[in-house]
Amino acid sequence: MSKLRVESFTISLDGFGAGPHQDLNNPLGVGGTSLHGWALPTRTFQKNLFGVEGGEDGIDEDYAARGFQNVGAWIMGRNMFGPVRGPWPDESWRGWWGDNPVYQVPVFVLTHHARPPLVMEGGTTFHFVTEGPVAALERARAAAGGKDVRVGGGVNVIQQYLRLCLIDEMHIAISPVLLGAGERLFEGVNLPGLGYACTRSEASPRATHVMISRQ
């Protein structure tokens, strides 16, 4: 069976996976962009986010690149898709990523408010799932065609799948910054009690990369 993976999810030294007060000007919360100093210079992120050839190789690039390998579908939360809250006022919000998002596979958005599928350029279609995380995973696995499913975030969505013991492996990058507030990734989550263990750790000058797997 395909794996459910978390890839390139970055937390601060004080454990926050996003800063507070997400809005249009702060899609990752106040200070949240500083988490990704390790990822932005990599070859993978330069190409996928900015359409630029080049970028840095090395440990950070190795982890950034693996996050897009063998991925046939994504799952994300409503907050990762955008800052709109409550019932959709209209269909004008189409995500942070422009007309051609980086995903290029089906993306399943967990939400309490229904919305028709949103077809974008490059193979990305956003499907809005109101039936919960298990239903979203079933639909994502069917769409992935045997490839893995990647959970993009945010914090709450990852926590839901962890508590259900559905995540097979996680790559967490620990960035040497302090946010002081926001959403703590492992708040109230007993990883050993759920059967998870750290299986690898290595550092670059910009981050410590750890792999956490379900045993």
N, C-alpha and C. Protein backbone atom coordinates (compact mmCIF):
# COMPACT_ATOMS: atom_id res chain seq x y z
N MET A 1 0.84 -1.20 0.00
CA MET A 1 0.00 0.00 0.00
C MET A 1 0.88 1.25 0.00
N SER A 2 0.40 2.28 -0.61
CA SER A 2 1.16 3.53 -0.64
C SER A 2 1.31 4.10 0.77
N LYS A 3 2.35 4.89 0.95
CA LYS A 3 2.61 5.51 2.24
C LYS A 3 1.91 6.87 2.36
N LEU A 4 1.61 7.24 3.60
CA LEU A 4 1.19 8.59 3.92
C LEU A 4 2.38 9.29 4.56
N ARG A 5 2.88 10.35 3.91
CA ARG A 5 4.14 10.96 4.31
C ARG A 5 3.96 12.45 4.60
N VAL A 6 4.73 12.91 5.58
CA VAL A 6 4.94 14.34 5.81
C VAL A 6 6.35 14.64 5.34
N GLU A 7 6.51 15.67 4.53
CA GLU A 7 7.82 16.00 3.97
C GLU A 7 8.12 17.48 4.14
N SER A 8 9.37 17.76 4.48
CA SER A 8 9.87 19.15 4.53
C SER A 8 9.03 20.05 5.43
N PHE A 9 8.43 19.47 6.47
CA PHE A 9 7.67 20.29 7.41
C PHE A 9 8.64 20.84 8.44
N THR A 10 8.69 22.16 8.56
CA THR A 10 9.71 22.80 9.38
C THR A 10 9.11 23.35 10.66
N ILE A 11 9.84 23.13 11.76
CA ILE A 11 9.45 23.71 13.04
C ILE A 11 10.61 24.55 13.58
N SER A 12 10.28 25.46 14.46
CA SER A 12 11.28 26.30 15.11
C SER A 12 11.92 25.54 16.26
N LEU A 13 12.98 26.14 16.84
CA LEU A 13 13.61 25.52 18.00
C LEU A 13 12.65 25.39 19.18
N ASP A 14 11.67 26.30 19.26
CA ASP A 14 10.69 26.19 20.34
C ASP A 14 9.43 25.45 19.90
N GLY A 15 9.52 24.72 18.78
CA GLY A 15 8.50 23.73 18.44
C GLY A 15 7.34 24.19 17.59
N PHE A 16 7.37 25.42 17.10
CA PHE A 16 6.23 25.94 16.35
C PHE A 16 6.36 25.64 14.86
N GLY A 17 5.27 25.14 14.28
CA GLY A 17 5.23 24.87 12.85
C GLY A 17 4.63 25.99 12.05
N ALA A 18 4.13 27.01 12.71
CA ALA A 18 3.59 28.22 12.07
C ALA A 18 3.56 29.32 13.12
N GLY A 19 3.69 30.53 12.65
CA GLY A 19 3.58 31.67 13.55
C GLY A 19 2.13 32.07 13.78
N PRO A 20 1.88 33.03 14.66
CA PRO A 20 0.51 33.47 14.93
C PRO A 20 -0.01 34.43 13.86
N HIS A 21 -1.32 34.61 13.84
CA HIS A 21 -1.97 35.67 13.07
C HIS A 21 -1.77 35.51 11.57
N GLN A 22 -2.14 34.35 11.05
CA GLN A 22 -2.08 34.16 9.60
C GLN A 22 -3.04 35.12 8.92
N ASP A 23 -2.56 35.76 7.85
CA ASP A 23 -3.42 36.60 7.01
C ASP A 23 -2.79 36.68 5.63
N LEU A 24 -3.33 37.54 4.77
CA LEU A 24 -2.83 37.64 3.40
C LEU A 24 -1.36 38.03 3.35
N ASN A 25 -0.93 38.85 4.30
CA ASN A 25 0.46 39.30 4.31
C ASN A 25 1.39 38.32 5.03
N ASN A 26 0.80 37.41 5.81
CA ASN A 26 1.59 36.44 6.57
C ASN A 26 0.98 35.06 6.41
N PRO A 27 1.15 34.43 5.23
CA PRO A 27 0.50 33.14 5.00
C PRO A 27 0.96 32.04 5.93
N LEU A 28 2.16 32.17 6.52
CA LEU A 28 2.65 31.20 7.49
C LEU A 28 2.60 31.74 8.91
N GLY A 29 1.82 32.79 9.12
CA GLY A 29 1.78 33.45 10.41
C GLY A 29 2.96 34.40 10.56
N VAL A 30 2.88 35.27 11.54
CA VAL A 30 3.95 36.25 11.76
C VAL A 30 5.25 35.52 12.10
N GLY A 31 6.28 35.75 11.32
CA GLY A 31 7.57 35.12 11.53
C GLY A 31 7.71 33.75 10.88
N GLY A 32 6.63 33.22 10.34
CA GLY A 32 6.67 31.86 9.83
C GLY A 32 7.59 31.65 8.64
N THR A 33 7.75 32.69 7.82
CA THR A 33 8.62 32.55 6.65
C THR A 33 10.06 32.25 7.05
N SER A 34 10.48 32.74 8.23
CA SER A 34 11.87 32.54 8.67
C SER A 34 12.19 31.07 8.90
N LEU A 35 11.17 30.22 9.06
CA LEU A 35 11.41 28.79 9.26
C LEU A 35 12.10 28.16 8.06
N HIS A 36 11.88 28.70 6.88
CA HIS A 36 12.23 27.99 5.66
C HIS A 36 13.51 28.50 5.01
N GLY A 37 14.40 29.07 5.82
CA GLY A 37 15.69 29.50 5.31
C GLY A 37 16.51 28.37 4.73
N TRP A 38 16.28 27.14 5.20
CA TRP A 38 17.01 25.98 4.67
C TRP A 38 16.50 25.57 3.30
N ALA A 39 15.19 25.75 3.07
CA ALA A 39 14.56 25.19 1.87
C ALA A 39 14.61 26.12 0.66
N LEU A 40 14.42 27.40 0.88
CA LEU A 40 14.27 28.33 -0.24
C LEU A 40 15.46 28.35 -1.18
N PRO A 41 16.71 28.23 -0.71
CA PRO A 41 17.82 28.27 -1.66
C PRO A 41 18.04 26.98 -2.45
N THR A 42 17.33 25.90 -2.11
CA THR A 42 17.61 24.61 -2.75
C THR A 42 17.18 24.62 -4.22
N ARG A 43 17.79 23.72 -4.97
CA ARG A 43 17.46 23.57 -6.38
C ARG A 43 15.96 23.26 -6.56
N THR A 44 15.44 22.37 -5.71
CA THR A 44 14.03 21.96 -5.83
C THR A 44 13.08 23.13 -5.60
N PHE A 45 13.31 23.91 -4.55
CA PHE A 45 12.40 25.01 -4.26
C PHE A 45 12.55 26.15 -5.25
N GLN A 46 13.76 26.41 -5.71
CA GLN A 46 13.95 27.45 -6.71
C GLN A 46 13.18 27.12 -7.99
N LYS A 47 13.19 25.86 -8.38
CA LYS A 47 12.48 25.46 -9.59
C LYS A 47 10.98 25.42 -9.39
N ASN A 48 10.53 24.78 -8.30
CA ASN A 48 9.10 24.56 -8.10
C ASN A 48 8.36 25.82 -7.70
N LEU A 49 8.99 26.67 -6.89
CA LEU A 49 8.31 27.86 -6.41
C LEU A 49 8.51 29.07 -7.31
N PHE A 50 9.71 29.18 -7.88
CA PHE A 50 10.05 30.41 -8.60
C PHE A 50 10.30 30.19 -10.08
N GLY A 51 10.30 28.94 -10.52
CA GLY A 51 10.54 28.66 -11.92
C GLY A 51 11.94 28.99 -12.38
N VAL A 52 12.91 28.93 -11.46
CA VAL A 52 14.29 29.31 -11.74
C VAL A 52 15.17 28.07 -11.73
N GLU A 53 15.99 27.93 -12.76
CA GLU A 53 16.96 26.85 -12.77
C GLU A 53 18.16 27.22 -11.91
N GLY A 54 18.80 26.22 -11.32
CA GLY A 54 19.91 26.47 -10.43
C GLY A 54 19.48 26.28 -8.99
N GLY A 55 20.19 26.89 -8.08
CA GLY A 55 19.93 26.67 -6.66
C GLY A 55 21.00 25.78 -6.06
N GLU A 56 20.91 25.58 -4.76
CA GLU A 56 21.95 24.88 -4.03
C GLU A 56 21.70 23.37 -3.96
N ASP A 57 22.79 22.61 -3.99
CA ASP A 57 22.76 21.18 -3.73
C ASP A 57 23.21 20.92 -2.29
N GLY A 58 23.24 19.64 -1.90
CA GLY A 58 23.67 19.29 -0.55
C GLY A 58 22.56 18.62 0.23
N ILE A 59 22.75 18.54 1.54
CA ILE A 59 21.80 17.85 2.41
C ILE A 59 20.40 18.46 2.31
N ASP A 60 20.30 19.78 2.36
CA ASP A 60 18.99 20.42 2.30
C ASP A 60 18.28 20.08 0.98
N GLU A 61 19.01 20.13 -0.12
CA GLU A 61 18.43 19.78 -1.42
C GLU A 61 17.99 18.32 -1.45
N ASP A 62 18.77 17.43 -0.86
CA ASP A 62 18.38 16.02 -0.85
C ASP A 62 17.02 15.82 -0.20
N TYR A 63 16.78 16.50 0.93
CA TYR A 63 15.50 16.36 1.62
C TYR A 63 14.37 17.08 0.88
N ALA A 64 14.68 18.24 0.31
CA ALA A 64 13.66 18.95 -0.46
C ALA A 64 13.21 18.13 -1.66
N ALA A 65 14.17 17.51 -2.35
CA ALA A 65 13.84 16.74 -3.56
C ALA A 65 13.04 15.49 -3.24
N ARG A 66 13.38 14.80 -2.13
CA ARG A 66 12.68 13.56 -1.82
C ARG A 66 11.20 13.81 -1.53
N GLY A 67 10.87 15.03 -1.13
CA GLY A 67 9.49 15.34 -0.82
C GLY A 67 8.56 15.35 -2.01
N PHE A 68 9.14 15.37 -3.23
CA PHE A 68 8.31 15.35 -4.43
C PHE A 68 8.43 14.03 -5.19
N GLN A 69 9.20 13.10 -4.65
CA GLN A 69 9.41 11.82 -5.32
C GLN A 69 8.30 10.82 -4.96
N ASN A 70 7.74 10.20 -5.98
CA ASN A 70 6.71 9.16 -5.82
C ASN A 70 5.47 9.68 -5.08
N VAL A 71 5.12 10.94 -5.28
CA VAL A 71 3.93 11.53 -4.67
C VAL A 71 2.84 11.64 -5.73
N GLY A 72 1.71 10.96 -5.48
CA GLY A 72 0.61 10.97 -6.44
C GLY A 72 -0.57 11.82 -6.04
N ALA A 73 -0.59 12.30 -4.78
CA ALA A 73 -1.67 13.16 -4.30
C ALA A 73 -1.22 13.83 -3.01
N TRP A 74 -1.85 14.94 -2.70
CA TRP A 74 -1.57 15.68 -1.46
C TRP A 74 -2.86 15.80 -0.65
N ILE A 75 -2.66 16.00 0.67
CA ILE A 75 -3.75 16.39 1.57
C ILE A 75 -3.29 17.64 2.32
N MET A 76 -4.17 18.60 2.46
CA MET A 76 -3.85 19.79 3.25
C MET A 76 -5.11 20.27 3.97
N GLY A 77 -4.90 21.15 4.94
CA GLY A 77 -6.00 21.74 5.66
C GLY A 77 -6.50 23.02 5.00
N ARG A 78 -7.65 23.44 5.44
CA ARG A 78 -8.25 24.67 4.92
C ARG A 78 -7.32 25.87 5.12
N ASN A 79 -6.64 25.94 6.26
CA ASN A 79 -5.77 27.08 6.54
C ASN A 79 -4.57 27.11 5.61
N MET A 80 -4.07 25.95 5.19
CA MET A 80 -2.96 25.93 4.25
C MET A 80 -3.41 26.39 2.87
N PHE A 81 -4.65 26.11 2.51
CA PHE A 81 -5.16 26.53 1.21
C PHE A 81 -5.34 28.05 1.16
N GLY A 82 -5.69 28.66 2.29
CA GLY A 82 -5.86 30.11 2.26
C GLY A 82 -6.40 30.66 3.56
N PRO A 83 -6.51 31.99 3.66
CA PRO A 83 -6.92 32.64 4.91
C PRO A 83 -8.43 32.80 5.07
N VAL A 84 -9.23 32.36 4.10
CA VAL A 84 -10.68 32.52 4.17
C VAL A 84 -11.24 31.60 5.25
N ARG A 85 -12.09 32.12 6.11
CA ARG A 85 -12.66 31.35 7.20
C ARG A 85 -14.18 31.21 7.03
N GLY A 86 -14.74 30.15 7.63
CA GLY A 86 -16.18 29.97 7.59
C GLY A 86 -16.67 29.56 6.21
N PRO A 87 -17.98 29.69 5.96
CA PRO A 87 -18.52 29.35 4.64
C PRO A 87 -17.82 30.17 3.54
N TRP A 88 -17.62 29.54 2.40
CA TRP A 88 -16.99 30.25 1.29
C TRP A 88 -17.90 31.38 0.81
N PRO A 89 -17.46 32.63 0.85
CA PRO A 89 -18.33 33.72 0.39
C PRO A 89 -18.54 33.66 -1.12
N ASP A 90 -17.55 33.15 -1.85
CA ASP A 90 -17.60 32.97 -3.30
C ASP A 90 -16.43 32.04 -3.65
N GLU A 91 -16.16 31.91 -4.93
CA GLU A 91 -15.08 31.02 -5.36
C GLU A 91 -13.87 31.80 -5.87
N SER A 92 -13.73 33.04 -5.41
CA SER A 92 -12.65 33.88 -5.93
C SER A 92 -11.28 33.48 -5.37
N TRP A 93 -11.25 32.94 -4.14
CA TRP A 93 -9.95 32.53 -3.60
C TRP A 93 -9.54 31.20 -4.22
N ARG A 94 -8.36 31.20 -4.87
CA ARG A 94 -7.89 30.05 -5.61
C ARG A 94 -6.53 29.56 -5.11
N GLY A 95 -6.18 29.90 -3.86
CA GLY A 95 -4.91 29.45 -3.30
C GLY A 95 -3.84 30.50 -3.41
N TRP A 96 -2.70 30.20 -2.75
CA TRP A 96 -1.58 31.14 -2.69
C TRP A 96 -0.68 31.08 -3.92
N TRP A 97 -0.87 30.10 -4.80
CA TRP A 97 0.19 29.68 -5.71
C TRP A 97 0.01 30.12 -7.15
N GLY A 98 -0.97 30.96 -7.45
CA GLY A 98 -1.19 31.36 -8.82
C GLY A 98 -1.95 30.31 -9.61
N ASP A 99 -2.00 30.48 -10.93
CA ASP A 99 -2.80 29.60 -11.78
C ASP A 99 -2.17 28.24 -12.00
N ASN A 100 -0.87 28.11 -11.74
CA ASN A 100 -0.17 26.84 -11.96
C ASN A 100 0.54 26.43 -10.67
N PRO A 101 -0.19 25.86 -9.70
CA PRO A 101 0.42 25.51 -8.40
C PRO A 101 1.52 24.46 -8.52
N VAL A 102 2.31 24.37 -7.46
CA VAL A 102 3.48 23.48 -7.48
C VAL A 102 3.10 22.00 -7.42
N TYR A 103 1.87 21.66 -7.07
CA TYR A 103 1.52 20.28 -6.74
C TYR A 103 1.46 19.39 -7.97
N GLN A 104 0.73 19.79 -8.99
CA GLN A 104 0.64 19.08 -10.27
C GLN A 104 0.09 17.66 -10.13
N VAL A 105 -0.66 17.44 -9.06
CA VAL A 105 -1.39 16.19 -8.81
C VAL A 105 -2.67 16.59 -8.07
N PRO A 106 -3.63 15.68 -7.87
CA PRO A 106 -4.81 16.03 -7.09
C PRO A 106 -4.46 16.40 -5.65
N VAL A 107 -5.13 17.41 -5.13
CA VAL A 107 -4.93 17.89 -3.76
C VAL A 107 -6.28 17.86 -3.05
N PHE A 108 -6.32 17.25 -1.86
CA PHE A 108 -7.56 17.10 -1.11
C PHE A 108 -7.50 18.00 0.12
N VAL A 109 -8.42 18.97 0.17
CA VAL A 109 -8.42 20.01 1.19
C VAL A 109 -9.48 19.67 2.24
N LEU A 110 -9.05 19.49 3.48
CA LEU A 110 -10.00 19.22 4.56
C LEU A 110 -10.71 20.53 4.95
N THR A 111 -12.03 20.50 4.97
CA THR A 111 -12.80 21.69 5.29
C THR A 111 -14.16 21.27 5.84
N HIS A 112 -14.79 22.18 6.56
CA HIS A 112 -16.17 21.94 7.02
C HIS A 112 -17.21 22.50 6.05
N HIS A 113 -16.74 23.13 4.98
CA HIS A 113 -17.66 23.84 4.08
C HIS A 113 -17.41 23.39 2.64
N ALA A 114 -18.45 22.83 2.04
CA ALA A 114 -18.33 22.25 0.71
C ALA A 114 -18.02 23.32 -0.34
N ARG A 115 -17.35 22.87 -1.38
CA ARG A 115 -17.03 23.73 -2.52
C ARG A 115 -16.74 22.82 -3.71
N PRO A 116 -17.13 23.20 -4.92
CA PRO A 116 -16.84 22.35 -6.09
C PRO A 116 -15.34 22.23 -6.32
N PRO A 117 -14.90 21.16 -6.97
CA PRO A 117 -13.48 21.02 -7.29
C PRO A 117 -12.96 22.22 -8.08
N LEU A 118 -11.72 22.56 -7.83
CA LEU A 118 -11.09 23.71 -8.47
C LEU A 118 -9.96 23.19 -9.36
N VAL A 119 -10.16 23.27 -10.66
CA VAL A 119 -9.18 22.76 -11.63
C VAL A 119 -8.22 23.87 -11.99
N MET A 120 -6.92 23.59 -11.81
CA MET A 120 -5.88 24.58 -12.10
C MET A 120 -5.00 24.07 -13.25
N GLU A 121 -4.05 24.87 -13.66
CA GLU A 121 -3.11 24.47 -14.69
C GLU A 121 -2.11 23.45 -14.13
N GLY A 122 -1.48 22.70 -15.03
CA GLY A 122 -0.38 21.84 -14.66
C GLY A 122 -0.75 20.53 -14.01
N GLY A 123 -2.04 20.19 -13.97
CA GLY A 123 -2.45 18.92 -13.40
C GLY A 123 -2.97 18.99 -11.97
N THR A 124 -2.96 20.19 -11.37
CA THR A 124 -3.46 20.34 -10.00
C THR A 124 -4.97 20.55 -10.01
N THR A 125 -5.68 19.73 -9.25
CA THR A 125 -7.10 19.97 -8.97
C THR A 125 -7.30 19.90 -7.46
N PHE A 126 -7.88 20.95 -6.89
CA PHE A 126 -8.20 20.98 -5.47
C PHE A 126 -9.59 20.39 -5.25
N HIS A 127 -9.66 19.36 -4.42
CA HIS A 127 -10.93 18.74 -4.06
C HIS A 127 -11.19 19.07 -2.59
N PHE A 128 -12.38 19.53 -2.27
CA PHE A 128 -12.71 19.99 -0.92
C PHE A 128 -13.53 18.90 -0.22
N VAL A 129 -12.95 18.36 0.85
CA VAL A 129 -13.50 17.17 1.50
C VAL A 129 -14.10 17.57 2.85
N THR A 130 -15.38 17.29 3.03
CA THR A 130 -16.07 17.66 4.27
C THR A 130 -16.31 16.46 5.18
N GLU A 131 -15.90 15.26 4.74
CA GLU A 131 -16.22 14.05 5.50
C GLU A 131 -15.13 13.65 6.49
N GLY A 132 -14.06 14.42 6.61
CA GLY A 132 -13.05 14.13 7.61
C GLY A 132 -11.77 13.55 7.04
N PRO A 133 -10.76 13.34 7.92
CA PRO A 133 -9.43 12.93 7.46
C PRO A 133 -9.38 11.54 6.85
N VAL A 134 -10.15 10.60 7.38
CA VAL A 134 -10.10 9.23 6.84
C VAL A 134 -10.66 9.22 5.42
N ALA A 135 -11.77 9.91 5.20
CA ALA A 135 -12.35 9.97 3.86
C ALA A 135 -11.41 10.66 2.89
N ALA A 136 -10.74 11.72 3.36
CA ALA A 136 -9.79 12.42 2.50
C ALA A 136 -8.65 11.51 2.09
N LEU A 137 -8.15 10.69 3.04
CA LEU A 137 -7.06 9.78 2.73
C LEU A 137 -7.52 8.70 1.75
N GLU A 138 -8.71 8.18 1.92
CA GLU A 138 -9.21 7.17 1.00
C GLU A 138 -9.30 7.73 -0.42
N ARG A 139 -9.80 8.95 -0.54
CA ARG A 139 -9.92 9.56 -1.87
C ARG A 139 -8.54 9.88 -2.44
N ALA A 140 -7.63 10.34 -1.59
CA ALA A 140 -6.28 10.67 -2.06
C ALA A 140 -5.55 9.42 -2.54
N ARG A 141 -5.68 8.32 -1.80
CA ARG A 141 -5.01 7.08 -2.20
C ARG A 141 -5.58 6.58 -3.54
N ALA A 142 -6.87 6.69 -3.71
CA ALA A 142 -7.46 6.26 -4.98
C ALA A 142 -6.94 7.12 -6.13
N ALA A 143 -6.79 8.41 -5.89
CA ALA A 143 -6.31 9.32 -6.93
C ALA A 143 -4.83 9.15 -7.20
N ALA A 144 -4.07 8.70 -6.19
CA ALA A 144 -2.61 8.61 -6.31
C ALA A 144 -2.17 7.45 -7.19
N GLY A 145 -3.05 6.50 -7.45
CA GLY A 145 -2.72 5.42 -8.37
C GLY A 145 -1.55 4.57 -7.94
N GLY A 146 -1.46 4.28 -6.64
CA GLY A 146 -0.38 3.45 -6.13
C GLY A 146 0.82 4.21 -5.62
N LYS A 147 0.91 5.50 -5.93
CA LYS A 147 1.99 6.32 -5.40
C LYS A 147 1.65 6.77 -3.97
N ASP A 148 2.59 7.43 -3.32
CA ASP A 148 2.39 7.89 -1.96
C ASP A 148 1.51 9.13 -1.92
N VAL A 149 0.98 9.39 -0.73
CA VAL A 149 0.19 10.61 -0.46
C VAL A 149 0.99 11.46 0.51
N ARG A 150 1.11 12.73 0.20
CA ARG A 150 1.86 13.65 1.06
C ARG A 150 0.90 14.57 1.81
N VAL A 151 1.09 14.65 3.12
CA VAL A 151 0.34 15.60 3.94
C VAL A 151 1.13 16.89 4.02
N GLY A 152 0.55 17.96 3.51
CA GLY A 152 1.27 19.22 3.48
C GLY A 152 1.16 20.03 4.76
N GLY A 153 0.11 19.87 5.51
CA GLY A 153 -0.10 20.68 6.70
C GLY A 153 -1.48 21.28 6.68
N GLY A 154 -1.78 22.16 7.57
CA GLY A 154 -0.89 22.64 8.60
C GLY A 154 -0.78 21.73 9.81
N VAL A 155 -0.43 22.37 10.93
CA VAL A 155 -0.18 21.66 12.17
C VAL A 155 -1.37 20.79 12.58
N ASN A 156 -2.55 21.36 12.57
CA ASN A 156 -3.72 20.63 13.04
C ASN A 156 -4.00 19.39 12.20
N VAL A 157 -3.81 19.49 10.91
CA VAL A 157 -4.06 18.34 10.02
C VAL A 157 -3.07 17.22 10.30
N ILE A 158 -1.78 17.57 10.46
CA ILE A 158 -0.79 16.55 10.78
C ILE A 158 -1.12 15.88 12.11
N GLN A 159 -1.53 16.67 13.10
CA GLN A 159 -1.89 16.10 14.39
C GLN A 159 -3.06 15.12 14.27
N GLN A 160 -4.05 15.45 13.46
CA GLN A 160 -5.18 14.55 13.27
C GLN A 160 -4.72 13.19 12.74
N TYR A 161 -3.87 13.21 11.73
CA TYR A 161 -3.41 11.95 11.14
C TYR A 161 -2.47 11.20 12.07
N LEU A 162 -1.67 11.93 12.85
CA LEU A 162 -0.81 11.26 13.83
C LEU A 162 -1.64 10.53 14.87
N ARG A 163 -2.65 11.20 15.40
CA ARG A 163 -3.46 10.58 16.45
C ARG A 163 -4.22 9.37 15.93
N LEU A 164 -4.48 9.32 14.65
CA LEU A 164 -5.11 8.15 14.04
C LEU A 164 -4.09 7.10 13.63
N CYS A 165 -2.78 7.38 13.88
CA CYS A 165 -1.69 6.46 13.52
C CYS A 165 -1.69 6.13 12.03
N LEU A 166 -2.03 7.11 11.21
CA LEU A 166 -2.10 6.89 9.78
C LEU A 166 -0.87 7.36 9.03
N ILE A 167 -0.06 8.22 9.64
CA ILE A 167 1.16 8.68 8.98
C ILE A 167 2.22 7.60 9.10
N ASP A 168 2.83 7.26 7.98
CA ASP A 168 3.87 6.23 7.97
C ASP A 168 5.24 6.80 8.28
N GLU A 169 5.56 7.97 7.73
CA GLU A 169 6.86 8.57 8.01
C GLU A 169 6.78 10.09 7.86
N MET A 170 7.65 10.76 8.62
CA MET A 170 7.70 12.22 8.59
C MET A 170 9.13 12.69 8.47
N HIS A 171 9.35 13.63 7.57
CA HIS A 171 10.60 14.38 7.57
C HIS A 171 10.30 15.74 8.20
N ILE A 172 10.93 15.99 9.34
CA ILE A 172 10.79 17.26 10.05
C ILE A 172 12.12 17.98 10.01
N ALA A 173 12.11 19.22 9.57
CA ALA A 173 13.30 20.06 9.59
C ALA A 173 13.19 21.01 10.78
N ILE A 174 14.23 21.06 11.61
CA ILE A 174 14.25 21.95 12.77
C ILE A 174 15.14 23.13 12.42
N SER A 175 14.50 24.28 12.33
CA SER A 175 15.21 25.49 11.90
C SER A 175 15.72 26.25 13.11
N PRO A 176 16.92 26.84 13.05
CA PRO A 176 17.49 27.54 14.22
C PRO A 176 16.92 28.94 14.40
N VAL A 177 15.59 29.01 14.53
CA VAL A 177 14.92 30.28 14.80
C VAL A 177 13.95 30.07 15.96
N LEU A 178 13.59 31.15 16.62
CA LEU A 178 12.61 31.12 17.71
C LEU A 178 11.41 31.98 17.30
N LEU A 179 10.21 31.41 17.41
CA LEU A 179 9.00 32.16 17.06
C LEU A 179 8.28 32.69 18.29
N GLY A 180 8.34 31.98 19.41
CA GLY A 180 7.73 32.46 20.64
C GLY A 180 6.25 32.23 20.76
N ALA A 181 5.55 32.05 19.63
CA ALA A 181 4.10 31.83 19.65
C ALA A 181 3.71 31.21 18.32
N GLY A 182 2.51 30.68 18.28
CA GLY A 182 2.01 30.06 17.06
C GLY A 182 1.41 28.70 17.35
N GLU A 183 1.63 27.75 16.47
CA GLU A 183 1.07 26.40 16.60
C GLU A 183 2.21 25.41 16.78
N ARG A 184 2.24 24.74 17.92
CA ARG A 184 3.28 23.73 18.18
C ARG A 184 2.88 22.40 17.54
N LEU A 185 3.78 21.85 16.76
CA LEU A 185 3.46 20.66 15.98
C LEU A 185 3.11 19.47 16.88
N PHE A 186 3.87 19.26 17.95
CA PHE A 186 3.66 18.06 18.76
C PHE A 186 2.94 18.35 20.07
N GLU A 187 2.26 19.46 20.15
CA GLU A 187 1.49 19.80 21.35
C GLU A 187 0.43 18.73 21.61
N GLY A 188 0.52 18.08 22.77
CA GLY A 188 -0.48 17.09 23.15
C GLY A 188 -0.42 15.78 22.38
N VAL A 189 0.67 15.56 21.62
CA VAL A 189 0.81 14.32 20.84
C VAL A 189 1.93 13.48 21.45
N ASN A 190 1.59 12.29 21.91
CA ASN A 190 2.56 11.37 22.51
C ASN A 190 3.09 10.45 21.41
N LEU A 191 4.16 10.85 20.75
CA LEU A 191 4.66 10.09 19.61
C LEU A 191 5.08 8.67 19.99
N PRO A 192 5.88 8.46 21.06
CA PRO A 192 6.22 7.07 21.41
C PRO A 192 4.99 6.24 21.75
N GLY A 193 4.03 6.87 22.43
CA GLY A 193 2.82 6.14 22.78
C GLY A 193 2.00 5.73 21.57
N LEU A 194 2.15 6.46 20.47
CA LEU A 194 1.45 6.15 19.23
C LEU A 194 2.26 5.22 18.33
N GLY A 195 3.46 4.87 18.79
CA GLY A 195 4.27 3.92 18.03
C GLY A 195 5.27 4.54 17.07
N TYR A 196 5.61 5.81 17.29
CA TYR A 196 6.56 6.47 16.40
C TYR A 196 7.92 6.59 17.07
N ALA A 197 8.98 6.57 16.24
CA ALA A 197 10.34 6.71 16.72
C ALA A 197 11.16 7.48 15.70
N CYS A 198 12.20 8.15 16.19
CA CYS A 198 13.14 8.84 15.32
C CYS A 198 14.09 7.81 14.72
N THR A 199 14.14 7.76 13.41
CA THR A 199 14.94 6.74 12.74
C THR A 199 16.17 7.30 12.04
N ARG A 200 16.27 8.64 11.92
CA ARG A 200 17.45 9.23 11.30
C ARG A 200 17.53 10.70 11.68
N SER A 201 18.75 11.20 11.79
CA SER A 201 18.96 12.62 12.08
C SER A 201 20.28 13.06 11.47
N GLU A 202 20.27 14.17 10.76
CA GLU A 202 21.50 14.75 10.24
C GLU A 202 21.29 16.24 10.06
N ALA A 203 22.38 16.98 10.10
CA ALA A 203 22.29 18.43 10.12
C ALA A 203 23.02 19.05 8.94
N SER A 204 22.48 20.16 8.45
CA SER A 204 23.16 21.04 7.52
C SER A 204 23.43 22.34 8.27
N PRO A 205 24.12 23.30 7.68
CA PRO A 205 24.32 24.58 8.36
C PRO A 205 23.02 25.33 8.67
N ARG A 206 21.92 24.98 7.98
CA ARG A 206 20.69 25.76 8.12
C ARG A 206 19.57 25.03 8.86
N ALA A 207 19.70 23.72 9.06
CA ALA A 207 18.61 22.97 9.71
C ALA A 207 19.11 21.61 10.16
N THR A 208 18.39 21.05 11.14
CA THR A 208 18.56 19.65 11.50
C THR A 208 17.39 18.86 10.94
N HIS A 209 17.70 17.83 10.19
CA HIS A 209 16.68 17.03 9.53
C HIS A 209 16.50 15.72 10.30
N VAL A 210 15.26 15.42 10.66
CA VAL A 210 14.97 14.16 11.35
C VAL A 210 13.88 13.40 10.61
N MET A 211 14.01 12.09 10.63
CA MET A 211 12.98 11.22 10.09
C MET A 211 12.30 10.51 11.25
N ILE A 212 10.99 10.55 11.27
CA ILE A 212 10.20 9.89 12.30
C ILE A 212 9.29 8.89 11.60
N SER A 213 9.33 7.63 12.04
CA SER A 213 8.60 6.58 11.35
C SER A 213 7.73 5.80 12.33
N ARG A 214 6.64 5.26 11.80
CA ARG A 214 5.79 4.39 12.61
C ARG A 214 6.38 3.00 12.64
N GLN A 215 6.58 2.45 13.83
CA GLN A 215 7.26 1.16 13.99
C GLN A 215 6.28 0.00 13.90
